[in-house]
Amino acid sequence: MSIFEQLSGLGLDGETTVTLSYSDGVDVFVHNETAVDTAISETDVIYQFASLVATPRLMAEVPFVGGVLEALRDEGHLDNYERDSTFEDYIADVLTENFYEQEFIDKSIERYDYKRGYCTLETTVQIPLSNFLEIEPQVAGWSIEVPTENGKLIIG
């Protein structure tokens, strides 16, 4: 039984918020301040995020920020998109180039010593259940959380 069939079978209201979380990390050097850049290039967090939010009908939002595509559009980051079939890649490139100016993906660095550490990138996206079930986005690797009358259901 797929995740979508499981969620459909719960009989939840279509306006219920589905919260998806994704994180990945990598060993980094912290002494030369390249930890975040290394994590950006060696993890797939940005691409996974871009892949999820590239579908406008999903109405993906980031908590405390709002709609992702609307925010990118308001900041002028989508103005140069040439309307071809590479929208996911375009969003991933925009997020990579403007990582420090965006609030869609959080970063944390754990220092092991003065030279080495571990950098984690993580993101949380909220989507209305009705949109999530209708579109059935690729969510492999994402943790999915849905509130039910018996508590939170966490998948993944």
N, C-alpha and C. Protein backbone atom coordinates (compact mmCIF):
# COMPACT_ATOMS: atom_id res chain seq x y z
N MET A 1 0.85 -1.17 0.00
CA MET A 1 0.00 0.00 0.00
C MET A 1 0.90 1.24 0.00
N SER A 2 0.63 2.16 -0.90
CA SER A 2 1.45 3.37 -1.01
C SER A 2 1.11 4.36 0.11
N ILE A 3 1.99 5.33 0.28
CA ILE A 3 1.77 6.39 1.26
C ILE A 3 0.47 7.12 0.97
N PHE A 4 0.20 7.34 -0.31
CA PHE A 4 -0.98 8.10 -0.70
C PHE A 4 -2.26 7.31 -0.39
N GLU A 5 -2.21 6.00 -0.60
CA GLU A 5 -3.37 5.16 -0.26
C GLU A 5 -3.58 5.12 1.25
N GLN A 6 -2.49 5.06 2.01
CA GLN A 6 -2.60 5.07 3.46
C GLN A 6 -3.23 6.35 3.96
N LEU A 7 -2.76 7.49 3.43
CA LEU A 7 -3.31 8.77 3.86
C LEU A 7 -4.75 8.95 3.41
N SER A 8 -5.10 8.46 2.23
CA SER A 8 -6.48 8.55 1.75
C SER A 8 -7.41 7.75 2.65
N GLY A 9 -6.93 6.62 3.13
CA GLY A 9 -7.73 5.74 3.96
C GLY A 9 -7.99 6.27 5.36
N LEU A 10 -7.31 7.33 5.76
CA LEU A 10 -7.50 7.88 7.10
C LEU A 10 -8.76 8.73 7.21
N GLY A 11 -9.33 9.15 6.08
CA GLY A 11 -10.54 9.96 6.11
C GLY A 11 -10.33 11.35 6.67
N LEU A 12 -9.15 11.92 6.46
CA LEU A 12 -8.85 13.25 6.96
C LEU A 12 -9.43 14.32 6.05
N ASP A 13 -9.68 15.48 6.61
CA ASP A 13 -10.15 16.64 5.86
C ASP A 13 -9.10 17.04 4.83
N GLY A 14 -9.51 17.45 3.66
CA GLY A 14 -8.60 17.85 2.59
C GLY A 14 -7.75 19.05 2.93
N GLU A 15 -8.19 19.86 3.90
CA GLU A 15 -7.43 21.04 4.31
C GLU A 15 -6.38 20.71 5.36
N THR A 16 -6.31 19.47 5.79
CA THR A 16 -5.29 19.05 6.75
C THR A 16 -3.91 19.32 6.16
N THR A 17 -2.99 19.78 6.99
CA THR A 17 -1.65 20.11 6.52
C THR A 17 -0.74 18.90 6.64
N VAL A 18 -0.11 18.55 5.53
CA VAL A 18 0.90 17.50 5.50
C VAL A 18 2.24 18.21 5.62
N THR A 19 3.04 17.79 6.60
CA THR A 19 4.35 18.38 6.81
C THR A 19 5.42 17.38 6.37
N LEU A 20 6.25 17.80 5.43
CA LEU A 20 7.32 16.96 4.91
C LEU A 20 8.66 17.54 5.36
N SER A 21 9.56 16.67 5.79
CA SER A 21 10.89 17.10 6.23
C SER A 21 11.94 16.28 5.50
N TYR A 22 13.02 16.95 5.15
CA TYR A 22 14.13 16.27 4.47
C TYR A 22 15.44 16.84 4.99
N SER A 23 16.40 15.97 5.25
CA SER A 23 17.72 16.45 5.67
C SER A 23 18.80 15.49 5.18
N ASP A 24 19.98 16.05 5.04
CA ASP A 24 21.15 15.27 4.67
C ASP A 24 22.36 16.07 5.13
N GLY A 25 23.45 15.39 5.34
CA GLY A 25 24.64 16.08 5.79
C GLY A 25 25.89 15.41 5.28
N VAL A 26 27.01 16.06 5.55
CA VAL A 26 28.29 15.59 5.03
C VAL A 26 29.41 16.06 5.96
N ASP A 27 30.48 15.25 6.02
CA ASP A 27 31.68 15.67 6.74
C ASP A 27 32.32 16.83 6.00
N VAL A 28 32.76 17.84 6.76
CA VAL A 28 33.28 19.06 6.15
C VAL A 28 34.52 19.55 6.90
N PHE A 29 35.23 20.46 6.26
CA PHE A 29 36.27 21.22 6.93
C PHE A 29 35.63 22.50 7.44
N VAL A 30 35.86 22.84 8.69
CA VAL A 30 35.25 24.04 9.25
C VAL A 30 36.24 25.19 9.40
N HIS A 31 37.54 24.90 9.28
CA HIS A 31 38.55 25.94 9.49
C HIS A 31 38.61 26.95 8.35
N ASN A 32 38.15 26.58 7.19
CA ASN A 32 38.25 27.50 6.05
C ASN A 32 36.88 28.05 5.62
N GLU A 33 35.86 27.86 6.44
CA GLU A 33 34.52 28.41 6.24
C GLU A 33 33.86 27.97 4.93
N THR A 34 34.13 26.74 4.50
CA THR A 34 33.50 26.21 3.29
C THR A 34 32.49 25.11 3.62
N ALA A 35 32.16 24.96 4.90
CA ALA A 35 31.31 23.86 5.33
C ALA A 35 29.96 23.85 4.62
N VAL A 36 29.29 24.98 4.58
CA VAL A 36 27.96 25.04 3.96
C VAL A 36 28.05 24.84 2.45
N ASP A 37 29.03 25.44 1.82
CA ASP A 37 29.21 25.26 0.38
C ASP A 37 29.48 23.80 0.03
N THR A 38 30.24 23.11 0.88
CA THR A 38 30.50 21.69 0.67
C THR A 38 29.20 20.90 0.80
N ALA A 39 28.41 21.20 1.81
CA ALA A 39 27.14 20.50 2.00
C ALA A 39 26.18 20.76 0.85
N ILE A 40 26.17 21.98 0.34
CA ILE A 40 25.30 22.30 -0.80
C ILE A 40 25.69 21.46 -2.01
N SER A 41 26.98 21.33 -2.26
CA SER A 41 27.41 20.60 -3.46
C SER A 41 27.41 19.08 -3.29
N GLU A 42 27.52 18.58 -2.06
CA GLU A 42 27.65 17.14 -1.87
C GLU A 42 26.39 16.46 -1.32
N THR A 43 25.34 17.21 -1.07
CA THR A 43 24.07 16.59 -0.68
C THR A 43 23.02 16.91 -1.73
N ASP A 44 21.89 16.25 -1.63
CA ASP A 44 20.82 16.49 -2.61
C ASP A 44 19.64 17.26 -2.01
N VAL A 45 19.86 17.93 -0.90
CA VAL A 45 18.76 18.63 -0.22
C VAL A 45 18.14 19.70 -1.12
N ILE A 46 18.96 20.50 -1.74
CA ILE A 46 18.43 21.57 -2.59
C ILE A 46 17.65 20.99 -3.76
N TYR A 47 18.18 19.96 -4.40
CA TYR A 47 17.46 19.38 -5.53
C TYR A 47 16.16 18.70 -5.09
N GLN A 48 16.17 18.01 -3.96
CA GLN A 48 14.94 17.38 -3.46
C GLN A 48 13.89 18.45 -3.16
N PHE A 49 14.32 19.54 -2.55
CA PHE A 49 13.42 20.65 -2.24
C PHE A 49 12.87 21.25 -3.53
N ALA A 50 13.75 21.54 -4.47
CA ALA A 50 13.33 22.14 -5.75
C ALA A 50 12.37 21.22 -6.48
N SER A 51 12.64 19.94 -6.46
CA SER A 51 11.79 18.97 -7.13
C SER A 51 10.38 18.97 -6.54
N LEU A 52 10.30 19.11 -5.23
CA LEU A 52 8.99 19.11 -4.57
C LEU A 52 8.22 20.40 -4.83
N VAL A 53 8.89 21.53 -4.73
CA VAL A 53 8.17 22.80 -4.83
C VAL A 53 7.97 23.28 -6.26
N ALA A 54 8.55 22.60 -7.24
CA ALA A 54 8.44 23.04 -8.64
C ALA A 54 7.04 22.86 -9.21
N THR A 55 6.19 22.13 -8.53
CA THR A 55 4.82 21.93 -8.99
C THR A 55 3.93 22.99 -8.35
N PRO A 56 3.50 23.98 -9.12
CA PRO A 56 2.71 25.08 -8.55
C PRO A 56 1.41 24.62 -7.87
N ARG A 57 0.78 23.60 -8.40
CA ARG A 57 -0.50 23.15 -7.84
C ARG A 57 -0.36 22.53 -6.45
N LEU A 58 0.84 22.17 -6.06
CA LEU A 58 1.04 21.63 -4.71
C LEU A 58 0.81 22.69 -3.64
N MET A 59 1.10 23.93 -3.99
CA MET A 59 1.00 25.05 -3.06
C MET A 59 1.89 24.82 -1.84
N ALA A 60 3.14 24.43 -2.11
CA ALA A 60 4.10 24.15 -1.05
C ALA A 60 4.49 25.44 -0.33
N GLU A 61 4.50 25.36 0.98
CA GLU A 61 4.89 26.49 1.81
C GLU A 61 5.94 26.05 2.81
N VAL A 62 6.81 26.97 3.18
CA VAL A 62 7.78 26.73 4.23
C VAL A 62 7.27 27.48 5.46
N PRO A 63 7.23 26.80 6.63
CA PRO A 63 6.75 27.47 7.84
C PRO A 63 7.49 28.79 8.09
N PHE A 64 6.77 29.80 8.47
CA PHE A 64 7.25 31.13 8.81
C PHE A 64 7.77 31.91 7.60
N VAL A 65 7.74 31.31 6.40
CA VAL A 65 8.19 32.01 5.19
C VAL A 65 7.02 32.18 4.23
N GLY A 66 6.24 31.12 4.04
CA GLY A 66 5.10 31.17 3.14
C GLY A 66 5.34 30.38 1.87
N GLY A 67 4.60 30.74 0.83
CA GLY A 67 4.69 30.03 -0.44
C GLY A 67 6.05 30.20 -1.09
N VAL A 68 6.64 29.10 -1.47
CA VAL A 68 8.00 29.11 -2.02
C VAL A 68 8.04 29.78 -3.38
N LEU A 69 7.19 29.34 -4.30
CA LEU A 69 7.21 29.92 -5.64
C LEU A 69 6.84 31.40 -5.61
N GLU A 70 5.89 31.77 -4.76
CA GLU A 70 5.51 33.19 -4.64
C GLU A 70 6.69 34.02 -4.14
N ALA A 71 7.40 33.49 -3.13
CA ALA A 71 8.55 34.23 -2.60
C ALA A 71 9.64 34.38 -3.65
N LEU A 72 9.92 33.32 -4.39
CA LEU A 72 10.93 33.41 -5.45
C LEU A 72 10.50 34.38 -6.54
N ARG A 73 9.21 34.35 -6.87
CA ARG A 73 8.69 35.26 -7.89
C ARG A 73 8.77 36.71 -7.41
N ASP A 74 8.37 36.96 -6.15
CA ASP A 74 8.40 38.32 -5.60
C ASP A 74 9.81 38.89 -5.55
N GLU A 75 10.80 38.03 -5.34
CA GLU A 75 12.19 38.49 -5.27
C GLU A 75 12.83 38.59 -6.66
N GLY A 76 12.07 38.24 -7.71
CA GLY A 76 12.58 38.37 -9.07
C GLY A 76 13.43 37.20 -9.53
N HIS A 77 13.48 36.13 -8.76
CA HIS A 77 14.34 35.00 -9.12
C HIS A 77 13.78 34.15 -10.26
N LEU A 78 12.51 34.29 -10.57
CA LEU A 78 11.92 33.49 -11.64
C LEU A 78 11.78 34.27 -12.94
N ASP A 79 12.22 35.51 -12.95
CA ASP A 79 12.07 36.37 -14.13
C ASP A 79 12.83 35.85 -15.36
N ASN A 80 13.95 35.20 -15.16
CA ASN A 80 14.78 34.76 -16.29
C ASN A 80 14.50 33.33 -16.72
N TYR A 81 13.51 32.70 -16.15
CA TYR A 81 13.19 31.33 -16.55
C TYR A 81 12.59 31.36 -17.96
N GLU A 82 13.10 30.50 -18.84
CA GLU A 82 12.72 30.54 -20.25
C GLU A 82 11.57 29.61 -20.62
N ARG A 83 10.83 29.13 -19.64
CA ARG A 83 9.63 28.31 -19.89
C ARG A 83 9.90 27.04 -20.69
N ASP A 84 10.94 26.34 -20.29
CA ASP A 84 11.18 25.04 -20.90
C ASP A 84 10.91 23.96 -19.85
N SER A 85 11.37 22.77 -20.06
CA SER A 85 11.03 21.67 -19.16
C SER A 85 12.07 21.46 -18.05
N THR A 86 12.83 22.49 -17.73
CA THR A 86 13.87 22.36 -16.72
C THR A 86 13.57 23.20 -15.48
N PHE A 87 12.30 23.33 -15.13
CA PHE A 87 11.93 24.21 -14.01
C PHE A 87 12.56 23.76 -12.70
N GLU A 88 12.57 22.46 -12.42
CA GLU A 88 13.19 21.95 -11.20
C GLU A 88 14.67 22.34 -11.15
N ASP A 89 15.37 22.12 -12.25
CA ASP A 89 16.79 22.46 -12.30
C ASP A 89 17.00 23.97 -12.13
N TYR A 90 16.13 24.75 -12.73
CA TYR A 90 16.24 26.20 -12.62
C TYR A 90 16.07 26.64 -11.17
N ILE A 91 15.07 26.10 -10.49
CA ILE A 91 14.86 26.44 -9.08
C ILE A 91 16.05 26.00 -8.24
N ALA A 92 16.57 24.80 -8.50
CA ALA A 92 17.74 24.31 -7.76
C ALA A 92 18.93 25.25 -7.97
N ASP A 93 19.14 25.70 -9.19
CA ASP A 93 20.24 26.63 -9.46
C ASP A 93 20.04 27.96 -8.74
N VAL A 94 18.81 28.47 -8.75
CA VAL A 94 18.51 29.73 -8.07
C VAL A 94 18.76 29.59 -6.57
N LEU A 95 18.31 28.48 -5.99
CA LEU A 95 18.52 28.26 -4.56
C LEU A 95 19.99 28.11 -4.21
N THR A 96 20.74 27.44 -5.07
CA THR A 96 22.18 27.26 -4.83
C THR A 96 22.90 28.60 -4.90
N GLU A 97 22.60 29.38 -5.93
CA GLU A 97 23.27 30.67 -6.12
C GLU A 97 22.89 31.69 -5.05
N ASN A 98 21.69 31.58 -4.50
CA ASN A 98 21.20 32.55 -3.53
C ASN A 98 20.95 31.92 -2.16
N PHE A 99 21.70 30.88 -1.84
CA PHE A 99 21.44 30.11 -0.63
C PHE A 99 21.41 30.97 0.63
N TYR A 100 22.36 31.86 0.77
CA TYR A 100 22.49 32.65 1.99
C TYR A 100 21.44 33.75 2.09
N GLU A 101 20.73 34.01 1.01
CA GLU A 101 19.68 35.03 1.01
C GLU A 101 18.30 34.43 1.21
N GLN A 102 18.19 33.11 1.16
CA GLN A 102 16.90 32.42 1.27
C GLN A 102 16.71 31.84 2.67
N GLU A 103 15.48 31.59 3.03
CA GLU A 103 15.18 30.99 4.33
C GLU A 103 14.41 29.69 4.17
N PHE A 104 14.61 29.01 3.05
CA PHE A 104 13.88 27.77 2.79
C PHE A 104 14.59 26.55 3.37
N ILE A 105 15.90 26.60 3.44
CA ILE A 105 16.71 25.46 3.87
C ILE A 105 17.60 25.91 5.02
N ASP A 106 17.52 25.18 6.13
CA ASP A 106 18.33 25.50 7.31
C ASP A 106 19.65 24.74 7.26
N LYS A 107 20.63 25.33 7.89
CA LYS A 107 21.94 24.70 7.96
C LYS A 107 22.39 24.64 9.41
N SER A 108 23.11 23.59 9.75
CA SER A 108 23.72 23.50 11.07
C SER A 108 25.08 22.83 10.93
N ILE A 109 26.01 23.29 11.72
CA ILE A 109 27.37 22.75 11.66
C ILE A 109 27.76 22.27 13.05
N GLU A 110 28.18 21.02 13.10
CA GLU A 110 28.71 20.45 14.34
C GLU A 110 30.22 20.37 14.17
N ARG A 111 30.94 21.00 15.07
CA ARG A 111 32.40 21.00 15.01
C ARG A 111 32.93 19.82 15.81
N TYR A 112 33.81 19.04 15.18
CA TYR A 112 34.49 17.96 15.90
C TYR A 112 35.74 18.50 16.60
N ASP A 113 36.46 19.35 15.92
CA ASP A 113 37.66 20.00 16.44
C ASP A 113 37.84 21.30 15.65
N TYR A 114 39.01 21.87 15.67
CA TYR A 114 39.22 23.16 15.00
C TYR A 114 39.19 23.05 13.48
N LYS A 115 39.30 21.82 12.96
CA LYS A 115 39.45 21.66 11.51
C LYS A 115 38.28 20.93 10.85
N ARG A 116 37.69 19.97 11.53
CA ARG A 116 36.68 19.12 10.91
C ARG A 116 35.34 19.25 11.62
N GLY A 117 34.29 18.86 10.87
CA GLY A 117 32.95 18.88 11.43
C GLY A 117 31.96 18.21 10.51
N TYR A 118 30.70 18.45 10.78
CA TYR A 118 29.62 17.85 10.00
C TYR A 118 28.58 18.93 9.75
N CYS A 119 28.20 19.12 8.51
CA CYS A 119 27.21 20.13 8.15
C CYS A 119 25.93 19.43 7.68
N THR A 120 24.82 19.82 8.27
CA THR A 120 23.52 19.27 7.92
C THR A 120 22.66 20.36 7.29
N LEU A 121 22.02 20.02 6.17
CA LEU A 121 21.04 20.90 5.55
C LEU A 121 19.69 20.23 5.74
N GLU A 122 18.69 21.00 6.14
CA GLU A 122 17.36 20.43 6.33
C GLU A 122 16.29 21.43 5.95
N THR A 123 15.17 20.88 5.53
CA THR A 123 14.06 21.72 5.11
C THR A 123 12.75 21.08 5.53
N THR A 124 11.76 21.93 5.72
CA THR A 124 10.41 21.49 6.06
C THR A 124 9.44 22.20 5.13
N VAL A 125 8.53 21.42 4.55
CA VAL A 125 7.55 21.95 3.61
C VAL A 125 6.16 21.51 4.06
N GLN A 126 5.21 22.41 3.94
CA GLN A 126 3.82 22.08 4.28
C GLN A 126 2.95 22.17 3.04
N ILE A 127 2.07 21.16 2.89
CA ILE A 127 1.21 21.06 1.72
C ILE A 127 -0.18 20.66 2.18
N PRO A 128 -1.24 21.24 1.62
CA PRO A 128 -2.60 20.77 1.94
C PRO A 128 -2.77 19.31 1.51
N LEU A 129 -3.40 18.52 2.33
CA LEU A 129 -3.57 17.09 2.06
C LEU A 129 -4.24 16.84 0.72
N SER A 130 -5.26 17.61 0.38
CA SER A 130 -5.97 17.38 -0.89
C SER A 130 -5.02 17.53 -2.08
N ASN A 131 -4.14 18.52 -2.06
CA ASN A 131 -3.16 18.72 -3.14
C ASN A 131 -2.14 17.59 -3.15
N PHE A 132 -1.70 17.19 -1.98
CA PHE A 132 -0.71 16.12 -1.85
C PHE A 132 -1.25 14.81 -2.43
N LEU A 133 -2.51 14.49 -2.13
CA LEU A 133 -3.10 13.24 -2.63
C LEU A 133 -3.42 13.31 -4.11
N GLU A 134 -3.80 14.48 -4.59
CA GLU A 134 -4.13 14.64 -6.01
C GLU A 134 -2.89 14.52 -6.90
N ILE A 135 -1.80 15.16 -6.50
CA ILE A 135 -0.62 15.24 -7.35
C ILE A 135 0.34 14.07 -7.12
N GLU A 136 0.35 13.52 -5.93
CA GLU A 136 1.24 12.41 -5.57
C GLU A 136 2.70 12.68 -5.96
N PRO A 137 3.32 13.69 -5.32
CA PRO A 137 4.71 14.02 -5.66
C PRO A 137 5.67 12.91 -5.22
N GLN A 138 6.86 12.93 -5.78
CA GLN A 138 7.90 11.99 -5.37
C GLN A 138 8.39 12.39 -3.98
N VAL A 139 8.22 11.53 -3.00
CA VAL A 139 8.58 11.86 -1.63
C VAL A 139 9.52 10.82 -1.00
N ALA A 140 10.20 10.05 -1.82
CA ALA A 140 11.15 9.07 -1.30
C ALA A 140 12.23 9.81 -0.51
N GLY A 141 12.49 9.37 0.70
CA GLY A 141 13.49 10.00 1.55
C GLY A 141 12.96 11.09 2.46
N TRP A 142 11.76 11.55 2.19
CA TRP A 142 11.14 12.59 3.02
C TRP A 142 10.42 11.94 4.20
N SER A 143 10.42 12.62 5.32
CA SER A 143 9.62 12.22 6.47
C SER A 143 8.29 12.96 6.37
N ILE A 144 7.19 12.23 6.52
CA ILE A 144 5.86 12.81 6.34
C ILE A 144 5.12 12.77 7.66
N GLU A 145 4.54 13.90 8.03
CA GLU A 145 3.82 14.01 9.30
C GLU A 145 2.44 14.58 9.04
N VAL A 146 1.42 13.90 9.60
CA VAL A 146 0.04 14.34 9.43
C VAL A 146 -0.66 14.27 10.79
N PRO A 147 -1.35 15.36 11.19
CA PRO A 147 -2.09 15.29 12.44
C PRO A 147 -3.38 14.48 12.27
N THR A 148 -3.67 13.60 13.20
CA THR A 148 -4.91 12.84 13.20
C THR A 148 -5.61 13.06 14.54
N GLU A 149 -6.80 12.57 14.67
CA GLU A 149 -7.51 12.75 15.94
C GLU A 149 -6.85 11.96 17.07
N ASN A 150 -6.01 10.98 16.75
CA ASN A 150 -5.32 10.19 17.75
C ASN A 150 -3.86 10.60 17.96
N GLY A 151 -3.45 11.69 17.36
CA GLY A 151 -2.08 12.16 17.47
C GLY A 151 -1.44 12.31 16.10
N LYS A 152 -0.16 12.57 16.09
CA LYS A 152 0.56 12.76 14.83
C LYS A 152 0.94 11.40 14.24
N LEU A 153 0.68 11.26 12.95
CA LEU A 153 1.12 10.09 12.21
C LEU A 153 2.39 10.48 11.46
N ILE A 154 3.47 9.74 11.72
CA ILE A 154 4.74 10.03 11.08
C ILE A 154 5.13 8.84 10.21
N ILE A 155 5.38 9.13 8.94
CA ILE A 155 5.78 8.09 7.98
C ILE A 155 7.16 8.45 7.47
N GLY A 156 8.08 7.50 7.55
CA GLY A 156 9.42 7.73 7.02
C GLY A 156 10.43 8.09 7.98
